[in-house]
Protein backbone atom coordinates (compact mmCIF):
# COMPACT_ATOMS: atom_id res chain seq x y z
CA MET A 1 62.54 -22.36 24.13
CA GLN A 2 66.21 -21.09 24.70
CA LYS A 3 66.48 -20.45 20.95
CA LYS A 4 63.45 -18.67 20.64
CA LEU A 5 64.42 -16.31 23.68
CA SER A 6 67.81 -15.87 22.42
CA ILE A 7 66.40 -14.73 18.72
CA SER A 8 64.15 -12.58 20.82
CA LEU A 9 66.30 -10.51 22.58
CA VAL A 10 68.94 -10.41 19.68
CA ALA A 11 65.86 -8.55 17.96
CA SER A 12 65.11 -6.44 20.62
CA VAL A 13 68.50 -5.72 21.06
CA LEU A 14 68.92 -4.54 17.33
CA LEU A 15 66.03 -1.61 17.68
CA ALA A 16 65.58 0.57 20.59
CA THR A 17 62.77 2.59 22.03
CA THR A 18 61.56 6.04 22.66
CA ASN A 19 62.28 8.11 25.48
CA LEU A 20 62.28 11.70 24.29
CA PHE A 21 64.32 12.63 27.90
CA SER A 22 67.37 11.31 26.14
CA ALA A 23 67.31 13.77 23.36
CA GLN A 24 67.15 16.78 25.75
CA ASN A 25 69.73 18.65 27.52
CA LEU A 26 70.33 17.59 30.93
CA GLU A 27 70.87 21.29 31.92
CA THR A 28 67.22 22.19 31.20
CA ILE A 29 65.61 19.49 33.09
CA GLU A 30 64.62 20.28 36.73
CA VAL A 31 63.46 18.13 39.77
CA ILE A 32 61.82 18.64 43.19
CA SER A 33 61.54 15.12 44.38
CA ALA A 34 65.19 14.27 45.17
CA THR A 35 65.14 16.94 47.77
CA LYS A 36 62.38 18.70 47.70
CA SER A 37 64.01 21.65 46.78
CA THR A 38 64.22 22.54 42.63
CA GLN A 39 67.40 21.46 40.86
CA SER A 40 68.84 20.53 37.66
CA ILE A 41 69.09 17.06 37.09
CA LYS A 42 72.81 17.41 36.79
CA ASP A 43 73.35 18.39 40.27
CA VAL A 44 71.40 15.77 41.83
CA THR A 45 73.07 12.26 43.16
CA SER A 46 70.16 9.99 43.61
CA ASN A 47 69.00 7.76 40.74
CA VAL A 48 66.28 10.04 39.13
CA GLU A 49 64.15 9.64 35.75
CA VAL A 50 61.91 12.06 34.45
CA ILE A 51 58.99 11.37 32.10
CA THR A 52 58.56 14.76 29.87
CA LYS A 53 55.23 15.90 28.58
CA GLU A 54 56.63 15.85 25.27
CA GLU A 55 56.72 11.95 25.57
CA ILE A 56 53.13 11.62 27.04
CA GLN A 57 51.97 13.54 24.25
CA GLU A 58 53.94 11.59 21.55
CA ARG A 59 53.25 8.16 22.99
CA HIS A 60 49.40 8.61 24.04
CA PHE A 61 49.88 6.71 27.07
CA THR A 62 46.43 6.12 28.70
CA ILE A 63 47.31 5.71 32.07
CA VAL A 64 50.64 6.56 34.46
CA SER A 65 51.46 3.00 34.80
CA GLU A 66 51.80 2.64 30.87
CA ALA A 67 54.51 5.84 30.86
CA LEU A 68 56.42 3.99 34.21
CA ASN A 69 56.64 0.59 32.33
CA THR A 70 58.94 2.43 29.88
CA LEU A 71 61.70 2.80 32.54
CA ALA A 72 64.79 0.71 33.50
CA GLY A 73 64.17 -0.94 36.72
CA ILE A 74 60.24 -1.18 36.59
CA ASN A 75 57.72 -3.40 35.72
CA VAL A 76 53.97 -3.79 35.97
CA THR A 77 51.58 -6.27 36.42
CA SER A 78 47.90 -5.86 36.39
CA THR A 79 44.70 -8.32 37.15
CA GLY A 80 42.82 -7.57 34.08
CA GLY A 81 42.23 -4.74 31.70
CA LEU A 82 41.89 -0.84 32.59
CA GLY A 83 40.78 0.20 36.30
CA LYS A 84 41.77 -3.31 37.43
CA SER A 85 44.10 -3.89 40.28
CA THR A 86 47.55 -2.60 38.76
CA SER A 87 51.02 -3.46 40.75
CA VAL A 88 54.20 -1.03 39.93
CA PHE A 89 57.64 -3.06 40.53
CA MET A 90 60.45 -0.78 41.34
CA ARG A 91 64.01 -2.70 41.48
CA GLY A 92 61.92 -6.00 42.99
CA PHE A 93 59.94 -3.63 45.56
CA ASP A 94 55.62 -3.72 45.24
CA SER A 95 53.49 -0.68 45.46
CA GLN A 96 53.01 -0.92 48.99
CA ARG A 97 56.86 0.45 49.27
CA ILE A 98 56.85 3.07 46.70
CA LEU A 99 55.77 6.66 47.72
CA VAL A 100 53.46 7.92 45.31
CA LEU A 101 52.59 11.55 45.15
CA ILE A 102 50.21 14.31 43.17
CA ASP A 103 52.28 17.82 43.13
CA GLY A 104 53.17 16.38 46.63
CA ILE A 105 50.35 15.40 47.66
CA ASN A 106 50.01 12.17 49.33
CA TYR A 107 48.42 9.06 46.81
CA ASN A 108 49.05 6.17 48.60
CA ASP A 109 46.01 4.67 49.97
CA PHE A 110 46.49 4.15 53.49
CA THR A 111 43.71 2.28 54.25
CA GLY A 112 44.13 -0.64 51.44
CA ILE A 113 46.57 -3.71 50.62
CA SER A 114 48.66 -3.07 47.90
CA GLY A 115 49.36 0.72 48.14
CA ALA A 116 48.92 3.41 45.51
CA ALA A 117 45.83 2.64 43.11
CA PHE A 118 47.85 2.91 39.75
CA GLU A 119 45.13 1.95 37.75
CA HIS A 120 43.10 5.34 37.80
CA LEU A 121 45.95 7.62 37.53
CA MET A 122 45.10 9.36 34.16
CA ILE A 123 47.98 10.74 32.17
CA ASP A 124 46.52 13.55 30.14
CA ASP A 125 47.14 16.31 32.14
CA ILE A 126 50.58 15.81 33.22
CA GLU A 127 53.83 18.07 32.84
CA GLN A 128 56.61 15.63 33.91
CA ILE A 129 56.57 12.37 36.14
CA GLU A 130 59.62 12.22 38.40
CA VAL A 131 60.63 8.75 39.56
CA VAL A 132 63.82 8.81 42.27
CA LYS A 133 64.92 5.28 43.19
CA GLY A 134 66.33 4.04 46.44
CA ALA A 135 65.35 4.59 49.99
CA GLN A 136 63.93 8.55 50.03
CA SER A 137 62.56 8.27 53.89
CA GLY A 138 65.54 10.80 55.12
CA ILE A 139 63.49 13.53 52.81
CA TRP A 140 59.67 12.35 52.52
CA GLY A 141 58.76 10.16 55.66
CA ALA A 142 57.10 6.81 55.52
CA ASP A 143 56.37 4.22 52.84
CA ALA A 144 59.46 5.55 50.49
CA ASN A 145 61.50 2.34 50.70
CA ALA A 146 61.56 1.95 47.19
CA GLY A 147 61.43 5.41 46.21
CA VAL A 148 59.16 8.30 45.23
CA ILE A 149 56.83 8.70 42.37
CA ASN A 150 55.97 12.30 41.94
CA ILE A 151 53.39 13.12 39.19
CA ILE A 152 53.65 16.92 38.44
CA THR A 153 50.18 18.01 36.87
CA SER A 154 50.57 21.04 34.09
CA SER A 155 50.53 24.59 35.10
CA ALA A 156 48.92 27.41 32.96
CA LYS A 157 50.89 29.33 30.37
CA GLU A 158 50.99 32.97 29.63
CA GLY A 159 47.97 34.01 27.75
CA THR A 160 44.67 31.95 27.36
CA HIS A 161 44.76 28.49 26.27
CA THR A 162 42.20 25.64 25.07
CA ASN A 163 42.56 22.35 24.27
CA VAL A 164 40.14 19.47 23.13
CA SER A 165 41.02 15.72 22.61
CA THR A 166 39.47 12.65 21.77
CA GLU A 167 40.16 9.14 21.21
CA TYR A 168 38.13 5.71 20.24
CA GLY A 169 39.52 2.27 19.87
CA SER A 170 39.29 -1.46 20.93
CA TYR A 171 36.59 -2.82 23.55
CA ASN A 172 34.34 0.50 22.74
CA THR A 173 37.04 2.67 24.47
CA LYS A 174 36.05 6.40 24.79
CA LYS A 175 38.11 9.15 25.79
CA VAL A 176 37.65 12.76 25.81
CA ASN A 177 39.89 15.56 27.45
CA ALA A 178 39.10 19.05 27.53
CA GLY A 179 41.46 21.91 29.18
CA VAL A 180 41.39 25.54 29.62
CA SER A 181 43.53 28.15 31.18
CA HIS A 182 44.50 31.64 31.63
CA LYS A 183 47.80 33.44 32.95
CA ASN A 184 48.92 37.03 33.56
CA LYS A 185 51.29 38.61 35.73
CA ASP A 186 48.77 38.75 38.63
CA PHE A 187 47.25 35.05 38.62
CA ASP A 188 46.95 31.95 36.77
CA ILE A 189 44.27 29.18 36.45
CA LYS A 190 43.86 25.72 34.75
CA LEU A 191 40.97 23.45 34.52
CA ASN A 192 41.39 20.16 32.69
CA ILE A 193 38.72 17.17 32.78
CA THR A 194 39.24 13.77 31.39
CA ARG A 195 36.45 11.37 30.77
CA LEU A 196 36.97 7.67 29.92
CA ASP A 197 34.60 4.65 29.61
CA THR A 198 35.19 0.83 28.30
CA ASN A 199 33.45 -1.82 27.82
CA GLY A 200 36.87 -3.81 28.50
CA PHE A 201 37.12 -7.33 28.69
CA THR A 202 36.79 -10.19 31.36
CA THR A 203 38.95 -9.68 34.34
CA GLN A 204 39.72 -13.50 34.97
CA ALA A 205 40.32 -16.05 32.37
CA PRO A 206 42.24 -19.58 32.76
CA SER A 207 45.88 -19.47 30.93
CA GLY A 208 45.47 -20.23 27.52
CA THR A 209 41.77 -19.48 26.98
CA ASP A 210 40.37 -16.74 24.58
CA ILE A 211 39.09 -13.47 26.62
CA ASP A 212 36.55 -13.41 24.13
CA ASN A 213 34.54 -16.30 25.43
CA TYR A 214 33.56 -14.39 28.76
CA GLU A 215 31.50 -11.49 29.71
CA ASP A 216 33.25 -8.09 29.71
CA ASP A 217 34.09 -6.00 32.67
CA ALA A 218 33.47 -2.28 32.02
CA TYR A 219 35.50 0.83 33.53
CA ASP A 220 34.59 4.33 33.68
CA ASN A 221 36.67 7.13 35.24
CA THR A 222 36.69 10.96 35.80
CA THR A 223 39.44 12.91 36.55
CA VAL A 224 39.12 16.55 37.08
CA ASN A 225 42.31 18.52 37.96
CA LEU A 226 41.80 22.56 39.15
CA LYS A 227 45.54 24.01 39.65
CA SER A 228 45.79 28.12 40.38
CA GLY A 229 47.73 30.55 41.60
CA PHE A 230 47.98 34.16 42.67
CA ASN A 231 50.97 36.64 42.90
CA ILE A 232 50.42 38.79 45.90
CA ASN A 233 53.71 40.80 45.22
CA GLU A 234 56.80 39.62 43.41
CA ASN A 235 57.84 37.78 46.74
CA ASN A 236 54.97 36.27 47.67
CA ARG A 237 52.33 33.90 46.10
CA LEU A 238 49.29 31.44 46.93
CA GLU A 239 48.73 28.11 45.20
CA LEU A 240 45.89 26.15 44.98
CA ASN A 241 45.66 22.58 43.74
CA HIS A 242 42.57 20.26 43.76
CA ASN A 243 42.19 17.00 42.53
CA ILE A 244 39.19 14.59 41.87
CA ILE A 245 38.83 11.14 40.67
CA ASN A 246 35.82 9.10 40.46
CA THR A 247 35.83 6.02 39.07
CA LYS A 248 33.73 2.52 38.85
CA SER A 249 34.89 -1.04 37.82
CA GLU A 250 33.44 -4.10 37.53
CA TYR A 251 35.19 -7.00 38.12
CA ASP A 252 34.68 -11.23 38.62
CA ASN A 253 33.74 -12.27 41.80
CA THR A 254 35.66 -14.99 43.11
CA VAL A 255 33.97 -18.75 42.81
CA TYR A 256 35.35 -21.52 45.45
CA ASN A 257 35.77 -24.50 43.87
CA SER A 258 38.74 -27.28 44.55
CA ASP A 259 39.19 -27.42 40.66
CA TYR A 260 41.24 -23.78 40.00
CA SER A 261 40.25 -23.85 36.24
CA LYS A 262 36.45 -23.99 36.56
CA ASN A 263 36.92 -21.65 39.50
CA LEU A 264 38.14 -19.35 37.07
CA ILE A 265 35.69 -20.05 34.50
CA LYS A 266 32.77 -19.53 36.91
CA SER A 267 34.53 -16.33 38.06
CA ALA A 268 34.86 -14.97 34.51
CA ASN A 269 30.87 -15.78 33.24
CA SER A 270 29.77 -14.39 36.64
CA THR A 271 28.08 -10.81 36.36
CA GLY A 272 30.65 -9.90 39.35
CA ASP A 273 30.87 -6.48 41.20
CA GLU A 274 31.62 -3.25 41.29
CA LEU A 275 34.23 -1.08 42.85
CA LYS A 276 33.37 2.78 43.36
CA THR A 277 35.92 5.11 44.43
CA LYS A 278 35.42 8.78 44.74
CA ASN A 279 39.15 10.14 46.22
CA THR A 280 40.26 13.79 46.34
CA TYR A 281 43.32 15.22 46.48
CA SER A 282 44.24 19.16 47.62
CA SER A 283 46.91 21.55 48.50
CA LEU A 284 46.91 25.23 49.89
CA ASN A 285 50.58 26.49 49.33
CA TYR A 286 52.23 30.12 50.63
CA LEU A 287 55.66 30.94 48.74
CA ASN A 288 57.65 33.89 49.86
CA LYS A 289 61.24 34.26 48.14
CA ASN A 290 63.37 37.19 50.18
CA GLU A 291 67.09 37.42 49.66
CA TYR A 292 67.97 35.14 52.05
CA SER A 293 65.99 32.15 51.53
CA ASP A 294 62.88 30.28 49.76
CA LEU A 295 60.21 29.90 52.65
CA LYS A 296 56.92 27.47 52.07
CA PHE A 297 53.71 26.84 54.29
CA TYR A 298 51.89 24.56 52.73
CA THR A 299 48.44 22.17 53.89
CA ASN A 300 47.47 18.90 52.06
CA TYR A 301 44.47 16.76 51.94
CA SER A 302 44.01 13.69 51.05
CA LYS A 303 40.18 11.84 50.99
CA ILE A 304 39.74 8.48 50.32
CA ASN A 305 35.72 7.33 49.90
CA ARG A 306 35.86 3.35 48.27
CA ASP A 307 32.72 1.45 48.10
CA ASP A 308 33.73 -2.52 47.43
CA PRO A 309 30.88 -4.53 49.02
CA THR A 310 32.42 -7.76 48.39
CA GLY A 311 36.32 -7.06 48.67
CA TYR A 312 38.64 -7.25 51.18
CA THR A 313 38.70 -3.46 52.25
CA LYS A 314 34.91 -3.03 51.46
CA GLU A 315 33.81 0.42 52.53
CA PHE A 316 36.20 3.07 53.83
CA ASP A 317 35.98 6.51 54.37
CA GLY A 318 39.32 8.07 55.50
CA THR A 319 41.57 11.32 55.16
CA LEU A 320 45.29 12.08 55.26
CA GLN A 321 45.64 15.54 56.60
CA GLU A 322 49.46 17.02 56.21
CA TYR A 323 50.63 20.82 57.88
CA GLY A 324 54.23 21.57 56.89
CA THR A 325 56.64 24.64 56.48
CA ASN A 326 60.27 24.31 54.94
CA ALA A 327 62.61 26.79 54.30
CA THR A 328 65.30 26.18 51.42
CA ILE A 329 68.66 28.36 52.14
CA PRO A 330 71.35 28.90 49.67
CA TYR A 331 75.09 29.39 49.72
CA PHE A 332 78.53 29.09 47.79
CA ASN A 333 77.06 31.74 45.41
CA ASN A 334 73.43 29.94 45.48
CA ASN A 335 75.52 26.54 43.99
CA SER A 336 74.69 24.85 47.33
CA PHE A 337 72.02 25.30 49.69
CA VAL A 338 70.39 24.35 53.07
CA GLN A 339 66.76 23.11 53.81
CA ILE A 340 65.10 22.51 57.26
CA GLY A 341 61.37 21.89 57.69
CA THR A 342 58.78 20.37 59.77
CA ASP A 343 55.64 18.52 59.04
CA TYR A 344 52.38 17.25 60.96
CA LYS A 345 50.36 14.41 59.79
CA ILE A 346 46.96 12.75 60.59
CA THR A 347 45.75 10.09 59.35
CA ASN A 348 41.93 8.85 60.00
CA HIS A 349 40.05 5.64 59.38
CA LYS A 350 36.18 6.73 59.88
CA ASN A 351 34.27 3.07 59.27
CA ASP A 352 34.33 -0.10 61.05
CA VAL A 353 38.23 0.45 62.65
CA ASN A 354 37.71 3.94 63.35
CA LYS A 355 41.31 5.06 64.26
CA GLU A 356 43.60 7.35 64.19
CA LEU A 357 47.31 7.98 63.62
CA ASN A 358 49.48 10.96 64.15
CA ASN A 359 53.13 11.44 63.43
CA LYS A 360 55.34 14.57 63.69
CA GLY A 361 58.32 14.98 61.34
CA LEU A 362 61.65 17.21 61.36
CA PHE A 363 63.95 17.08 58.70
CA ILE A 364 67.15 18.57 56.91
CA THR A 365 68.78 18.45 53.66
CA ASN A 366 72.20 19.87 52.98
CA SER A 367 73.32 19.97 49.16
CA THR A 368 77.00 21.10 48.53
CA LYS A 369 78.23 21.43 44.88
CA PHE A 370 82.14 22.34 44.73
CA ASN A 371 83.21 22.53 41.59
CA ASP A 372 82.67 19.07 39.79
CA THR A 373 81.55 17.18 42.71
CA ILE A 374 78.06 17.59 44.55
CA PHE A 375 77.64 15.84 48.37
CA THR A 376 74.13 15.86 49.69
CA GLN A 377 72.89 14.47 53.17
CA SER A 378 69.69 13.94 54.43
CA LEU A 379 68.33 13.37 58.11
CA ARG A 380 64.84 13.14 59.31
CA TYR A 381 63.25 12.57 62.64
CA ASP A 382 59.71 11.13 62.98
CA ASN A 383 57.45 11.00 66.13
CA TYR A 384 54.72 8.68 66.06
CA ASP A 385 51.89 7.71 68.72
CA LEU A 386 51.27 4.32 67.62
CA PHE A 387 54.96 2.91 66.68
CA ASN A 388 58.62 3.50 68.06
CA ASN A 389 59.91 6.83 66.95
CA LYS A 390 62.01 6.88 63.71
CA THR A 391 65.19 8.50 62.49
CA THR A 392 66.01 8.11 58.73
CA GLY A 393 68.72 9.67 56.21
CA LYS A 394 70.34 9.53 53.08
CA ILE A 395 73.79 10.67 51.85
CA GLY A 396 75.17 10.71 48.22
CA ILE A 397 78.10 11.92 46.02
CA LYS A 398 78.52 12.61 42.66
CA HIS A 399 81.68 13.48 40.72
CA TYR A 400 82.09 14.74 37.05
CA PHE A 401 85.71 13.51 36.05
CA LEU A 402 84.71 14.57 32.66
CA GLU A 403 81.68 16.60 31.55
CA ASP A 404 79.82 13.64 30.24
CA LEU A 405 81.43 11.22 32.71
CA SER A 406 79.96 10.67 36.47
CA LEU A 407 80.25 8.40 39.07
CA SER A 408 77.33 8.46 41.57
CA THR A 409 76.77 6.67 44.79
CA ASN A 410 73.71 6.72 47.58
CA TYR A 411 73.11 5.15 50.84
CA GLY A 412 69.76 5.64 52.36
CA THR A 413 67.72 4.26 54.87
CA SER A 414 63.63 4.05 55.01
CA TYR A 415 60.88 2.73 56.88
CA ASN A 416 57.04 1.55 55.66
CA VAL A 417 54.31 1.60 58.23
CA PRO A 418 51.41 -0.67 58.16
CA THR A 419 48.09 0.36 56.85
CA PHE A 420 44.77 0.17 59.11
CA TYR A 421 43.87 -2.82 57.27
CA LYS A 422 46.65 -4.85 57.83
CA LEU A 423 46.69 -3.65 61.73
CA TYR A 424 43.17 -3.93 62.44
CA ASP A 425 40.97 -5.82 59.87
CA SER A 426 38.83 -8.04 61.86
CA TYR A 427 39.69 -10.76 60.29
CA ALA A 428 43.46 -10.76 58.74
CA GLY A 429 44.34 -7.76 61.00
CA TYR A 430 47.24 -7.96 63.50
CA SER A 431 47.38 -5.00 66.06
CA ASP A 432 51.05 -5.41 66.94
CA LEU A 433 52.82 -5.03 63.56
CA GLN A 434 55.45 -2.91 63.60
CA PRO A 435 56.85 -0.99 60.62
CA GLU A 436 59.38 -2.66 58.32
CA SER A 437 63.05 -0.70 57.62
CA THR A 438 64.89 -0.41 54.48
CA LYS A 439 68.99 0.07 53.80
CA SER A 440 69.29 0.80 50.24
CA ASN A 441 72.82 1.12 48.43
CA ASP A 442 73.51 1.83 44.63
CA ILE A 443 76.45 3.17 42.47
CA THR A 444 75.74 4.78 39.08
CA LEU A 445 78.67 5.17 36.31
CA ALA A 446 77.37 7.33 33.56
CA TYR A 447 78.99 8.47 29.93
CA LYS A 448 77.17 10.68 27.47
CA ASP A 449 73.94 8.28 26.50
CA ILE A 450 75.21 5.18 28.28
CA SER A 451 74.54 4.56 32.41
CA LEU A 452 75.11 1.53 34.47
CA THR A 453 73.67 1.00 37.87
CA TYR A 454 74.23 -1.61 40.64
CA PHE A 455 71.56 -1.38 43.54
CA TYR A 456 71.36 -3.20 46.86
CA ASN A 457 68.70 -3.16 49.34
CA THR A 458 67.65 -5.23 52.27
CA ILE A 459 64.01 -5.00 54.33
CA LYS A 460 63.71 -6.00 57.75
CA ASP A 461 60.62 -6.78 59.59
CA MET A 462 59.00 -7.04 56.08
CA ILE A 463 55.12 -7.30 56.34
CA GLU A 464 53.77 -10.33 54.83
CA TYR A 465 50.31 -12.16 55.09
CA ASN A 466 50.61 -15.68 56.92
CA SER A 467 48.36 -18.61 54.98
CA SER A 468 48.50 -20.58 58.15
CA SER A 469 47.26 -18.06 60.76
CA TYR A 470 45.20 -16.12 58.04
CA SER A 471 46.83 -12.59 58.96
CA TYR A 472 49.74 -10.39 58.60
CA TYR A 473 52.48 -10.58 60.69
CA ASN A 474 56.61 -9.20 60.51
CA MET A 475 58.96 -11.48 59.07
CA ASP A 476 61.94 -12.72 61.43
CA GLY A 477 64.88 -12.58 58.74
CA ASP A 478 65.65 -9.85 55.64
CA VAL A 479 64.39 -9.46 52.48
CA THR A 480 67.49 -9.00 49.70
CA LEU A 481 66.62 -6.77 46.57
CA GLN A 482 69.66 -6.44 44.20
CA GLY A 483 70.48 -6.03 40.55
CA MET A 484 71.57 -3.86 38.03
CA GLU A 485 70.08 -1.35 35.40
CA LEU A 486 72.06 -0.66 31.84
CA ALA A 487 70.59 2.41 29.86
CA TYR A 488 71.23 3.61 26.72
CA LYS A 489 69.56 6.41 25.51
CA PRO A 490 71.45 7.72 22.37
CA LYS A 491 70.33 10.77 19.64
CA ILE A 492 71.32 8.77 16.48
CA ASN A 493 70.81 11.57 14.15
CA ASP A 494 68.03 14.71 14.15
CA ASP A 495 65.52 12.72 13.02
CA LEU A 496 66.05 9.50 14.87
CA LEU A 497 66.07 8.78 18.52
CA ALA A 498 66.73 5.55 20.32
CA ASN A 499 66.58 3.99 24.23
CA LEU A 500 67.61 0.64 25.46
CA SER A 501 67.55 -0.53 28.79
CA TYR A 502 68.35 -3.95 30.68
CA THR A 503 67.37 -4.34 34.38
CA TYR A 504 68.60 -8.10 36.02
CA THR A 505 66.73 -7.99 39.58
CA SER A 506 67.21 -11.07 42.31
CA ALA A 507 64.41 -10.30 45.12
CA LYS A 508 64.78 -12.97 47.90
CA ASP A 509 62.91 -13.34 51.02
CA ASP A 510 64.25 -14.53 54.36
CA ASN A 511 64.45 -18.34 53.31
CA ASP A 512 66.53 -17.35 50.31
CA LYS A 513 63.27 -18.24 47.70
CA GLY A 514 62.57 -15.63 44.88
CA LEU A 515 59.82 -13.18 45.72
CA GLN A 516 56.87 -13.93 43.32
CA ARG A 517 55.51 -11.88 40.35
CA ARG A 518 59.15 -10.18 39.95
CA ALA A 519 60.75 -10.36 36.58
CA LYS A 520 64.29 -11.48 37.07
CA ASP A 521 65.25 -9.88 33.41
CA SER A 522 63.72 -7.17 31.49
CA LEU A 523 64.56 -5.25 28.39
CA LYS A 524 62.85 -2.09 26.99
CA PHE A 525 63.10 -1.04 23.16
CA GLY A 526 62.36 0.57 20.46
CA LEU A 527 62.90 3.66 17.89
CA ASP A 528 61.41 7.14 17.06
CA TYR A 529 61.79 8.60 13.81
CA TYR A 530 60.99 12.17 12.33
CA GLY A 531 62.21 12.26 8.99
CA ILE A 532 59.09 13.04 7.14
CA SER A 533 57.36 16.44 7.59
CA LYS A 534 54.83 16.92 10.15
CA PHE A 535 54.92 13.25 10.58
CA HIS A 536 56.51 11.05 13.92
CA PHE A 537 56.96 7.07 13.96
CA ASN A 538 57.44 5.43 17.00
CA VAL A 539 57.76 1.34 17.65
CA ASN A 540 58.51 0.42 21.36
CA GLY A 541 58.03 -2.65 23.30
CA GLU A 542 59.65 -4.91 26.22
CA TYR A 543 60.67 -8.08 26.84
CA VAL A 544 60.15 -9.78 30.19
CA GLY A 545 62.40 -12.96 31.40
CA ASP A 546 61.44 -15.41 33.96
CA ARG A 547 58.56 -14.38 36.32
CA VAL A 548 56.87 -17.06 38.71
CA GLN A 549 53.73 -17.29 41.02
CA TYR A 550 53.62 -19.60 43.77
CA ASP A 551 50.74 -21.91 45.22
CA PHE A 552 49.03 -20.34 48.10
CA GLY A 553 51.18 -20.54 51.45
CA THR A 554 54.01 -22.58 49.56
CA TYR A 555 57.28 -22.35 47.24
CA ASP A 556 55.47 -24.51 44.97
CA VAL A 557 55.53 -22.91 41.36
CA SER A 558 52.03 -22.74 40.24
CA ALA A 559 52.27 -20.85 37.02
CA GLU A 560 55.10 -18.89 35.00
CA THR A 561 54.22 -15.61 33.59
CA GLY A 562 57.45 -14.43 32.07
CA ASN A 563 59.26 -15.19 28.65
CA TYR A 564 57.63 -12.96 26.21
CA THR A 565 58.13 -9.86 24.05
CA LEU A 566 55.57 -7.36 23.18
CA TRP A 567 55.35 -4.84 20.33
CA ASN A 568 53.51 -1.53 20.36
CA THR A 569 53.27 1.25 17.68
CA VAL A 570 52.21 4.94 17.57
CA VAL A 571 52.17 6.96 14.14
CA ASN A 572 51.61 10.83 14.76
CA TYR A 573 50.22 13.56 11.96
CA GLU A 574 50.12 17.27 12.83
CA ILE A 575 47.24 18.25 10.34
CA ASN A 576 48.02 22.04 11.13
CA LYS A 577 49.20 24.41 14.03
CA THR A 578 45.93 23.64 15.30
CA PHE A 579 44.70 20.20 15.03
CA SER A 580 46.54 16.69 14.95
CA THR A 581 45.71 13.05 14.72
CA TYR A 582 47.37 9.78 15.80
CA LEU A 583 46.77 6.08 15.28
CA LYS A 584 48.13 3.73 18.24
CA VAL A 585 48.31 0.06 18.24
CA ASN A 586 49.18 -1.98 21.12
CA ASN A 587 50.15 -5.87 21.05
CA LEU A 588 51.03 -5.38 17.56
CA PHE A 589 51.45 -9.02 16.83
CA ASP A 590 48.81 -10.23 19.00
CA LYS A 591 50.59 -12.29 21.75
CA TYR A 592 49.20 -14.22 24.23
CA TYR A 593 50.69 -13.45 27.96
CA GLN A 594 49.53 -13.10 31.42
CA THR A 595 51.22 -11.13 34.14
CA VAL A 596 49.06 -12.34 36.89
CA ASP A 597 48.14 -16.11 36.20
CA GLY A 598 44.47 -16.49 36.03
CA TYR A 599 44.01 -12.90 34.92
CA ALA A 600 43.59 -11.63 31.14
CA THR A 601 45.46 -8.58 29.33
CA ALA A 602 44.51 -7.11 25.97
CA GLU A 603 44.61 -8.87 22.67
CA ARG A 604 45.88 -6.60 19.82
CA SER A 605 44.44 -3.23 20.25
CA ALA A 606 43.80 0.07 18.29
CA TYR A 607 42.83 3.49 18.87
CA VAL A 608 42.69 6.55 17.09
CA GLY A 609 42.83 10.31 18.37
CA LEU A 610 42.06 13.59 17.07
CA LYS A 611 43.66 16.90 19.51
CA ALA A 612 42.98 20.37 19.05
CA THR A 613 45.10 23.32 20.70
CA PHE A 614 43.58 26.99 20.91
């Protein structure tokens, strides 16, 4: 086993992955998620990674979590194929502790169990994905313990444009995407629709069995994005964003049996049930630019409608309304700024629980750039009607010793509020739950195409499920998450781009026992080649090290789901300026693996696509 592992690691290191971010001039990349203000990524102290539109288009990901899984410090697990529950782990934190936004609108499921529903996030209409690592409540408020993932959808370009694409592949998977946009000096509008449906494969399957022996669990998704803006004059603008995500996902019911293997076999062959969701995410923004500041007044609205008759969270209708304003005031010849703002959030549960949660927030961020040093501080105060008030903050500093050599460090505090389910569910809820709090530290040394980051995080009052009382509770001790990330992103020559990243994570609970489903070691690798006219060739993949699961309520290891290497490849061909086509093969060597014990993963699968842009 050790020899095989060594060979796998050596082979992986000899190749490197795609990440077009490595080939771009950092000066041209701007991010908003680190401070709620647009900045060059070079002027941000936080650990920020950006997945660009070009990378998304050339890798032909299907869902957002596939793109996130290419980054250092992130691992993804799933309980089945497309549309099945998907967890994203960031530096050992799970999805419940990551704040996910769509154009700044809260996407987290504020009633469920596992945070944002990554499995439903299609990737076809995205301009870039910003990933800010480390505690961010000092800027964004609750639920940003691990960091923030902000998904920024595409905007209209000058003139009138249309695009249509289609893809067909394994498991009778069909995807169609269509978009139209128009922009002139007065207004802009863009509409994009994505439709995906697949027969899929079985959700559950005992480890080592052939997934073809069980019935399939289908999935379909319709996602609509509307984005528009009106320029009142050169200083004032109105913006409207509206996103609709409708899904239907079949899954296998749990069949209780004292024999675990027989239990899974019965589940996988059952007709199962359907989880239906119809969610909307909207925002209305008013922007004013004057000689003294940039002002923003906004309202965001998230509505979740979930119908899961046999699931843990069953039927739910809920809303999250947010009203806020902020002002960004530049100084020092516009090289520095201070931002002040306030927001008010109302969260409603409209079914069995029938509860409401309100909070008011005040925040201030200052970013000072002088010579070769950037110094950033943030402070936020939240006033809750159900919990004690929270004060969180963040401080970061970055210094360039040379143009390409920098050292940065950040310290932040954050908190995570319990969802309505964890508070009030008639079986598992515990109404006295308190928010958990996090302290986060990191330090990064970067030189040209290589960077090394050490991170250390602690969680106090972590919310977990108690297998004895069958309810949620706050842990007494601290949970510790620490490790390092090494990333190398060279442009080898004009035709060859590479990316190699390695992450080591130690995640231990208050009993000094490792948290389950966290990969201890992770290596991302691959290569991009552009040396043949109109062609682009990509090989990419990952190695996942030790990862365990425990028997329910114990520290007895029930399964080891790590120690495997996956390879994928993509070939793009530009037919002409209007048409392009591609072939994508996932799990190239048909590796058998499971990310969650007892839940199936895809065998070798191939997809072919055609895109037209006018």
